[in-house]
Amino acid sequence: MTQQKLAEQALRSSEARYRLLADHSSDLIARHGIDGRWIYLSPAARAILGFDAEALVGLDPFEFIHADDRGRCLLMLRNLVSSGQEQSATYRVRRADGRHVWLESKAKPVFDSLSGAVVEVVVTSRDVSERIEATRKLRRREADLAHAERLGTMGQMASEMAHELNQPLYAIANFADACLERIQQQPPPGASEREELNRWILQIAQQARRAGDVVRRVTKFVRKGDLDRESLDLNRCIQEASVLLELCGRSKEIDIEYDLASGLPPVVADRLLIEQVLLNLVRNGAEAMEDLSDRERRLTIRTFQAEPETVGVAVSDRGSGLPAEHLCRLFEPYFTTKADGTGMGLAICRSTIEAHAGRIWAQNNSDGGATFLFVLPVPPLDRQHGA
């Protein structure tokens, strides 16, 4: 028997074993040409896609893939054919009844024994719709908890917000009364009086903007929505959130200082949720210094780049620090050391940062107090200008 016949016999034997395995697998196992068209589908096609396997042979699977996922799957096929390396993807496919199911697929190349070129693709797919839906429900629940936490935060800061709004509103009323009185004077105001009126009117506009900024920040902070990622400059995020951060600090008679590193690359994140993490950490730090009498009540917010792939924020207080046995439990749901605490603030911080593929932790300072830190990944350069 020639070497070629031996190779053909070995191939047929291998295909028979492969077919036996595929026929009894609950996963969908399919062979595709390098153009993507189905060559073979295992019987699991009936359970997963609602079609008989034979009815799909020769068809283009991309016609069944959800339009939002089609481009990504085409790219996966091209990468596999060009590189000869395994690929994986999770995407939606239309069933025979019109519903879409989520498939998690792993694609492996089949090489020509002589040329070494990719001649086929074998894809093993599993229906993960239940897992995806469970993850979505968890995210919705976490979003509801985060929203409730923000509403609770604003409730606790109501008196500080009223004070913050009263100041510019009182100034507006005073400057407006002064302008009205001067305009009503007889004779009409001269050039120097008109210049003074202009200054007062500018003050009215400035104080109105200040009051409006407080309302705008609070309104945006308590809104409810899904994860809304964008290219985000952490320094600018902190600066724009400073109205709320300093409101929180003033309520505890805490001074806040900023140490923002220059030249930080942007991250891809939900601005609102990162602001919530910042506010929670500032509140924690402020509460840790409530009983201070012998040291300055100061809290520092610092940004940094630990390594090329991550940037981070550190919130440091000058309190008494954290007990060693609490450090590993701080971010657990319902764990709290406060008599009136819910134990959800830091847990929400952790779930938020982890949803952004980041990490959050706490440590004691060598000179007293504690620091809470989180880092977020920096996306590749080609993704930094579009989330």
Protein backbone atom coordinates (compact mmCIF):
# COMPACT_ATOMS: atom_id res chain seq x y z
CA MET A 1 0.00 0.00 0.00
CA THR A 2 1.41 3.40 -1.03
CA GLN A 3 2.13 6.20 1.42
CA GLN A 4 -0.63 8.32 -0.15
CA LYS A 5 -3.23 5.55 0.35
CA LEU A 6 -2.09 5.09 3.93
CA ALA A 7 -2.56 8.82 4.50
CA GLU A 8 -6.03 8.73 2.92
CA GLN A 9 -6.99 5.75 5.06
CA ALA A 10 -5.77 7.51 8.20
CA LEU A 11 -7.73 10.60 7.22
CA ARG A 12 -10.93 8.59 6.71
CA SER A 13 -10.44 6.89 10.06
CA SER A 14 -9.87 10.24 11.74
CA GLU A 15 -12.99 11.70 10.11
CA ALA A 16 -15.03 8.69 11.25
CA ARG A 17 -13.91 9.17 14.85
CA TYR A 18 -14.58 12.91 14.57
CA ARG A 19 -18.08 12.28 13.15
CA LEU A 20 -18.86 9.79 15.96
CA LEU A 21 -17.82 12.36 18.56
CA ALA A 22 -19.76 15.17 16.88
CA ASP A 23 -22.92 13.07 16.51
CA HIS A 24 -23.12 12.50 20.26
CA SER A 25 -22.10 15.96 21.46
CA SER A 26 -24.59 18.42 22.96
CA ASP A 27 -22.44 21.22 21.54
CA LEU A 28 -22.86 22.23 17.91
CA ILE A 29 -19.80 21.08 15.97
CA ALA A 30 -19.51 22.39 12.44
CA ARG A 31 -17.06 22.35 9.55
CA HIS A 32 -16.74 25.47 7.42
CA GLY A 33 -14.96 26.28 4.21
CA ILE A 34 -12.53 29.21 4.30
CA ASP A 35 -15.37 31.34 2.86
CA GLY A 36 -17.36 30.48 5.99
CA ARG A 37 -20.05 28.30 4.39
CA TRP A 38 -21.18 25.23 6.28
CA ILE A 39 -19.78 21.89 5.06
CA TYR A 40 -21.08 19.80 7.93
CA LEU A 41 -23.13 20.38 11.12
CA SER A 42 -23.63 17.94 13.96
CA PRO A 43 -27.14 16.85 14.97
CA ALA A 44 -27.08 19.39 17.83
CA ALA A 45 -28.04 21.96 15.16
CA ARG A 46 -31.68 20.88 15.66
CA ALA A 47 -31.63 21.58 19.43
CA ILE A 48 -29.59 24.80 19.27
CA LEU A 49 -30.69 26.42 16.00
CA GLY A 50 -34.01 24.68 15.31
CA PHE A 51 -32.85 23.54 11.84
CA ASP A 52 -32.02 20.08 10.59
CA ALA A 53 -28.28 19.90 10.04
CA GLU A 54 -28.64 18.86 6.38
CA ALA A 55 -30.78 21.93 5.61
CA LEU A 56 -27.93 24.27 6.54
CA VAL A 57 -25.11 22.61 4.59
CA GLY A 58 -23.87 24.95 1.85
CA LEU A 59 -25.47 28.05 3.39
CA ASP A 60 -23.63 31.14 4.61
CA PRO A 61 -23.78 31.26 8.45
CA PHE A 62 -23.20 35.01 8.43
CA GLU A 63 -26.74 35.41 7.08
CA PHE A 64 -27.95 34.00 10.42
CA ILE A 65 -25.64 36.03 12.69
CA HIS A 66 -27.08 39.18 14.28
CA ALA A 67 -26.17 42.31 12.29
CA ASP A 68 -24.45 43.87 15.32
CA ASP A 69 -22.15 40.85 15.71
CA ARG A 70 -21.56 40.00 12.05
CA GLY A 71 -18.53 42.23 11.50
CA ARG A 72 -16.75 40.84 14.55
CA CYS A 73 -17.35 37.25 13.42
CA LEU A 74 -16.13 37.99 9.89
CA LEU A 75 -12.97 39.47 11.39
CA MET A 76 -12.53 36.31 13.50
CA LEU A 77 -12.69 34.14 10.35
CA ARG A 78 -10.22 36.35 8.46
CA ASN A 79 -7.78 36.34 11.39
CA LEU A 80 -7.96 32.54 11.64
CA VAL A 81 -7.37 31.98 7.92
CA SER A 82 -4.48 34.47 7.76
CA SER A 83 -2.75 33.53 11.02
CA GLY A 84 -3.65 29.86 11.37
CA GLN A 85 -4.35 30.47 15.06
CA GLU A 86 -7.44 29.47 17.03
CA GLN A 87 -10.08 32.16 17.55
CA SER A 88 -13.08 32.55 19.84
CA ALA A 89 -16.14 34.79 19.98
CA THR A 90 -19.53 35.18 21.64
CA TYR A 91 -22.34 36.34 19.35
CA ARG A 92 -26.06 36.05 18.52
CA VAL A 93 -27.52 33.70 15.91
CA ARG A 94 -31.09 33.62 14.56
CA ARG A 95 -32.95 30.36 15.16
CA ALA A 96 -35.55 28.84 12.86
CA ASP A 97 -38.31 30.38 15.00
CA GLY A 98 -36.83 33.88 14.60
CA ARG A 99 -35.43 34.14 18.13
CA HIS A 100 -31.77 34.96 18.66
CA VAL A 101 -29.62 32.78 20.89
CA TRP A 102 -26.15 33.57 22.23
CA LEU A 103 -23.41 31.17 21.11
CA GLU A 104 -19.93 30.90 22.55
CA SER A 105 -17.72 29.50 19.78
CA LYS A 106 -14.15 28.30 19.44
CA ALA A 107 -12.78 28.02 15.93
CA LYS A 108 -9.80 25.83 14.97
CA PRO A 109 -8.04 25.73 11.59
CA VAL A 110 -7.58 22.56 9.51
CA PHE A 111 -4.36 22.63 7.47
CA ASP A 112 -3.52 21.05 4.11
CA SER A 113 -0.91 18.34 4.79
CA LEU A 114 1.18 19.38 1.78
CA SER A 115 0.92 23.18 1.48
CA GLY A 116 0.25 23.96 5.14
CA ALA A 117 -2.52 26.38 4.14
CA VAL A 118 -5.80 26.58 6.05
CA VAL A 119 -8.40 24.64 4.05
CA GLU A 120 -11.21 24.27 6.58
CA VAL A 121 -12.39 25.64 9.92
CA VAL A 122 -13.90 23.53 12.69
CA VAL A 123 -16.15 25.49 15.06
CA THR A 124 -17.47 24.18 18.37
CA SER A 125 -20.39 26.26 19.68
CA ARG A 126 -22.33 26.22 22.94
CA ASP A 127 -25.64 27.93 23.73
CA VAL A 128 -24.85 30.41 26.55
CA SER A 129 -28.10 32.42 26.38
CA GLU A 130 -29.03 31.62 29.99
CA ARG A 131 -25.62 32.68 31.25
CA ILE A 132 -25.72 35.95 29.28
CA GLU A 133 -29.23 36.72 30.57
CA ALA A 134 -28.20 35.93 34.16
CA THR A 135 -25.25 38.31 33.79
CA ARG A 136 -27.55 41.01 32.43
CA LYS A 137 -29.96 40.57 35.33
CA LEU A 138 -27.04 40.86 37.76
CA ARG A 139 -25.85 44.04 36.05
CA ARG A 140 -29.38 45.51 36.19
CA ARG A 141 -29.61 44.65 39.88
CA GLU A 142 -26.22 46.25 40.53
CA ALA A 143 -27.33 49.33 38.57
CA ASP A 144 -30.48 49.56 40.71
CA LEU A 145 -28.40 49.28 43.89
CA ALA A 146 -25.98 51.91 42.64
CA HIS A 147 -28.88 54.22 41.80
CA ALA A 148 -30.37 53.73 45.27
CA GLU A 149 -26.96 54.47 46.79
CA ARG A 150 -26.70 57.73 44.81
CA LEU A 151 -30.18 58.79 45.92
CA GLY A 152 -29.24 57.98 49.52
CA THR A 153 -26.05 60.00 49.18
CA MET A 154 -27.96 63.02 47.93
CA GLY A 155 -30.45 62.64 50.79
CA GLN A 156 -27.62 62.75 53.32
CA MET A 157 -26.14 65.81 51.62
CA ALA A 158 -29.44 67.70 51.31
CA SER A 159 -28.57 70.32 53.92
CA GLU A 160 -25.14 70.94 52.37
CA MET A 161 -26.72 71.32 48.92
CA ALA A 162 -29.25 73.80 50.30
CA HIS A 163 -26.40 75.82 51.82
CA GLU A 164 -24.41 75.65 48.59
CA LEU A 165 -27.40 76.93 46.61
CA ASN A 166 -28.39 79.58 49.16
CA GLN A 167 -25.08 81.41 48.83
CA PRO A 168 -25.27 82.19 45.09
CA LEU A 169 -29.04 82.77 45.24
CA TYR A 170 -28.60 85.27 48.10
CA ALA A 171 -25.85 87.03 46.11
CA ILE A 172 -28.05 87.14 43.00
CA ALA A 173 -30.91 88.71 44.98
CA ASN A 174 -28.61 91.34 46.54
CA PHE A 175 -26.94 92.33 43.27
CA ALA A 176 -30.31 92.46 41.48
CA ASP A 177 -31.78 94.73 44.22
CA ALA A 178 -28.74 97.01 44.00
CA CYS A 179 -29.01 97.21 40.20
CA LEU A 180 -32.72 98.02 40.39
CA GLU A 181 -32.16 100.73 43.01
CA ARG A 182 -29.37 102.36 41.01
CA ILE A 183 -31.39 102.30 37.75
CA GLN A 184 -34.36 103.93 39.49
CA GLN A 185 -32.23 106.80 40.85
CA GLN A 186 -32.84 110.31 39.58
CA PRO A 187 -30.99 111.58 37.64
CA PRO A 188 -30.12 108.47 35.58
CA PRO A 189 -26.74 106.87 36.41
CA GLY A 190 -23.65 108.34 34.77
CA ALA A 191 -20.70 106.53 33.16
CA SER A 192 -19.08 105.44 36.43
CA GLU A 193 -22.41 104.17 37.78
CA ARG A 194 -23.05 102.25 34.53
CA GLU A 195 -19.64 100.58 34.87
CA GLU A 196 -20.55 99.53 38.39
CA LEU A 197 -23.90 98.22 37.15
CA ASN A 198 -22.08 96.12 34.55
CA ARG A 199 -19.91 94.59 37.26
CA TRP A 200 -22.96 93.74 39.35
CA ILE A 201 -24.77 92.19 36.38
CA LEU A 202 -21.70 90.08 35.62
CA GLN A 203 -21.78 88.94 39.26
CA ILE A 204 -25.42 87.95 38.86
CA ALA A 205 -24.57 85.86 35.78
CA GLN A 206 -21.59 84.25 37.52
CA GLN A 207 -23.55 83.35 40.65
CA ALA A 208 -26.44 82.01 38.54
CA ARG A 209 -24.00 79.75 36.68
CA ARG A 210 -22.60 78.58 40.02
CA ALA A 211 -26.06 77.64 41.31
CA GLY A 212 -26.94 76.03 37.98
CA ASP A 213 -23.75 73.97 38.08
CA VAL A 214 -24.68 72.52 41.47
CA VAL A 215 -28.17 71.58 40.19
CA ARG A 216 -26.75 70.15 36.95
CA ARG A 217 -24.20 67.98 38.75
CA VAL A 218 -26.77 66.66 41.24
CA THR A 219 -29.34 65.96 38.50
CA LYS A 220 -26.80 64.08 36.40
CA PHE A 221 -25.48 62.19 39.42
CA VAL A 222 -28.86 60.76 40.41
CA ARG A 223 -29.93 59.76 36.91
CA LYS A 224 -30.50 56.07 36.27
CA GLY A 225 -29.08 54.35 33.24
CA ASP A 226 -27.04 51.52 31.79
CA LEU A 227 -23.28 51.43 31.52
CA ASP A 228 -22.40 54.30 29.17
CA ARG A 229 -18.73 54.04 28.26
CA GLU A 230 -16.75 56.90 26.79
CA SER A 231 -13.16 58.00 26.47
CA LEU A 232 -12.53 59.54 29.88
CA ASP A 233 -9.76 61.77 31.25
CA LEU A 234 -9.64 60.92 34.98
CA ASN A 235 -8.20 64.33 35.88
CA ARG A 236 -11.01 66.14 34.12
CA CYS A 237 -13.57 63.76 35.63
CA ILE A 238 -12.31 64.67 39.13
CA GLN A 239 -12.31 68.40 38.33
CA GLU A 240 -15.88 68.28 37.03
CA ALA A 241 -17.03 66.27 40.05
CA SER A 242 -15.32 68.67 42.49
CA VAL A 243 -18.64 70.44 43.20
CA LEU A 244 -20.04 67.27 44.75
CA LEU A 245 -16.75 66.14 46.29
CA GLU A 246 -16.26 69.45 48.10
CA LEU A 247 -19.90 69.50 49.20
CA CYS A 248 -19.22 66.17 50.90
CA GLY A 249 -16.00 67.47 52.43
CA ARG A 250 -17.57 70.66 53.80
CA SER A 251 -20.34 68.67 55.48
CA LYS A 252 -17.63 67.02 57.64
CA GLU A 253 -15.42 70.16 57.86
CA ILE A 254 -12.78 68.45 55.73
CA ASP A 255 -10.38 70.22 53.37
CA ILE A 256 -9.82 68.46 50.05
CA GLU A 257 -6.60 68.89 48.09
CA TYR A 258 -5.83 67.57 44.62
CA ASP A 259 -2.59 66.10 43.31
CA LEU A 260 -3.34 65.32 39.66
CA ALA A 261 -0.58 63.82 37.52
CA SER A 262 -0.09 65.38 34.11
CA GLY A 263 -0.12 63.52 30.81
CA LEU A 264 -2.35 60.63 31.89
CA PRO A 265 -3.76 58.60 28.97
CA PRO A 266 -7.56 58.31 28.85
CA VAL A 267 -9.52 55.26 29.96
CA VAL A 268 -12.80 53.90 28.59
CA ALA A 269 -15.38 54.16 31.36
CA ASP A 270 -18.82 55.36 32.46
CA ARG A 271 -18.22 58.87 33.81
CA LEU A 272 -21.19 58.80 36.17
CA LEU A 273 -20.21 55.51 37.80
CA ILE A 274 -16.59 56.60 38.26
CA GLU A 275 -17.87 59.79 39.90
CA GLN A 276 -19.97 57.66 42.25
CA VAL A 277 -16.89 55.65 43.23
CA LEU A 278 -14.98 58.90 43.89
CA LEU A 279 -17.79 60.33 46.01
CA ASN A 280 -18.11 57.11 48.03
CA LEU A 281 -14.37 57.07 48.72
CA VAL A 282 -14.36 60.75 49.70
CA ARG A 283 -17.30 60.18 52.06
CA ASN A 284 -15.50 57.23 53.62
CA GLY A 285 -12.34 59.27 54.11
CA ALA A 286 -14.28 62.22 55.54
CA GLU A 287 -16.13 59.99 58.00
CA ALA A 288 -12.81 58.46 59.11
CA MET A 289 -11.67 61.92 60.25
CA GLU A 290 -14.87 63.02 62.03
CA ASP A 291 -13.36 62.54 65.49
CA LEU A 292 -9.98 64.12 64.75
CA SER A 293 -9.00 66.89 67.11
CA ASP A 294 -5.20 66.75 67.20
CA ARG A 295 -4.54 66.57 63.47
CA GLU A 296 -5.52 68.57 60.42
CA ARG A 297 -8.64 67.29 58.69
CA ARG A 298 -7.35 66.99 55.17
CA LEU A 299 -8.13 64.52 52.41
CA THR A 300 -5.98 64.13 49.29
CA ILE A 301 -7.18 62.94 45.88
CA ARG A 302 -4.26 61.84 43.71
CA THR A 303 -4.05 60.44 40.19
CA PHE A 304 -1.16 58.33 38.95
CA GLN A 305 0.07 55.98 36.25
CA ALA A 306 1.48 52.87 37.93
CA GLU A 307 2.48 51.19 34.66
CA PRO A 308 1.85 51.81 30.93
CA GLU A 309 -1.31 49.69 30.92
CA THR A 310 -3.15 51.27 33.89
CA VAL A 311 -3.94 54.64 35.45
CA GLY A 312 -5.43 55.11 38.87
CA VAL A 313 -6.83 57.29 41.63
CA ALA A 314 -5.88 57.30 45.31
CA VAL A 315 -7.99 58.90 48.06
CA SER A 316 -5.99 59.36 51.29
CA ASP A 317 -7.29 60.43 54.70
CA ARG A 318 -5.53 61.31 57.96
CA GLY A 319 -7.76 59.23 60.24
CA SER A 320 -6.81 56.39 62.54
CA GLY A 321 -6.39 53.81 59.78
CA LEU A 322 -8.07 50.46 59.23
CA PRO A 323 -7.87 47.37 61.48
CA ALA A 324 -5.80 44.69 59.74
CA GLU A 325 -8.62 42.16 60.03
CA HIS A 326 -10.97 44.50 58.11
CA LEU A 327 -8.71 45.15 55.11
CA CYS A 328 -9.67 41.94 53.31
CA ARG A 329 -13.42 42.37 53.99
CA LEU A 330 -14.01 46.05 53.29
CA PHE A 331 -15.49 45.49 49.83
CA GLU A 332 -17.76 42.58 50.77
CA PRO A 333 -21.53 43.27 50.47
CA TYR A 334 -23.17 44.20 53.78
CA PHE A 335 -19.87 44.38 55.69
CA THR A 336 -19.73 47.65 57.62
CA THR A 337 -18.08 49.08 60.72
CA LYS A 338 -20.61 51.93 61.00
CA ALA A 339 -23.64 51.74 63.28
CA ASP A 340 -25.88 53.22 60.57
CA GLY A 341 -24.04 51.79 57.53
CA THR A 342 -25.61 49.55 54.88
CA GLY A 343 -22.37 47.86 53.86
CA MET A 344 -23.16 48.51 50.17
CA GLY A 345 -21.11 51.64 49.37
CA LEU A 346 -17.71 49.96 48.99
CA ALA A 347 -19.28 46.81 47.52
CA ILE A 348 -20.80 48.94 44.76
CA CYS A 349 -17.40 50.59 44.26
CA ARG A 350 -15.81 47.18 43.74
CA SER A 351 -18.47 45.92 41.32
CA THR A 352 -18.21 49.18 39.36
CA ILE A 353 -14.43 49.04 39.05
CA GLU A 354 -14.45 45.33 38.20
CA ALA A 355 -17.13 45.97 35.53
CA HIS A 356 -14.51 48.27 33.97
CA ALA A 357 -11.85 45.49 34.18
CA GLY A 358 -10.09 47.39 36.96
CA ARG A 359 -9.05 46.70 40.55
CA ILE A 360 -9.75 48.45 43.87
CA TRP A 361 -8.10 47.99 47.27
CA ALA A 362 -7.25 49.76 50.54
CA GLN A 363 -4.09 50.11 52.59
CA ASN A 364 -2.94 51.89 55.73
CA ASN A 365 -0.57 54.86 55.47
CA SER A 366 2.79 54.78 57.22
CA ASP A 367 2.12 58.21 58.76
CA GLY A 368 -1.46 57.46 59.83
CA GLY A 369 -4.78 57.20 58.08
CA ALA A 370 -5.71 55.02 55.11
CA THR A 371 -5.70 55.19 51.34
CA PHE A 372 -8.26 53.70 48.97
CA LEU A 373 -6.97 53.12 45.46
CA PHE A 374 -8.38 51.92 42.16
CA VAL A 375 -6.79 51.39 38.78
CA LEU A 376 -8.39 51.16 35.34
CA PRO A 377 -6.88 49.70 32.16
CA VAL A 378 -5.67 51.98 29.39
CA PRO A 379 -7.12 50.88 26.02
CA PRO A 380 -4.88 50.40 22.96
CA LEU A 381 -4.07 53.60 21.07
CA ASP A 382 -6.54 52.82 18.29
CA ARG A 383 -9.42 52.75 20.84
CA GLN A 384 -8.54 55.86 22.85
CA HIS A 385 -10.48 58.18 20.57
CA GLY A 386 -13.69 56.21 20.46
CA ALA A 387 -15.31 54.18 23.22
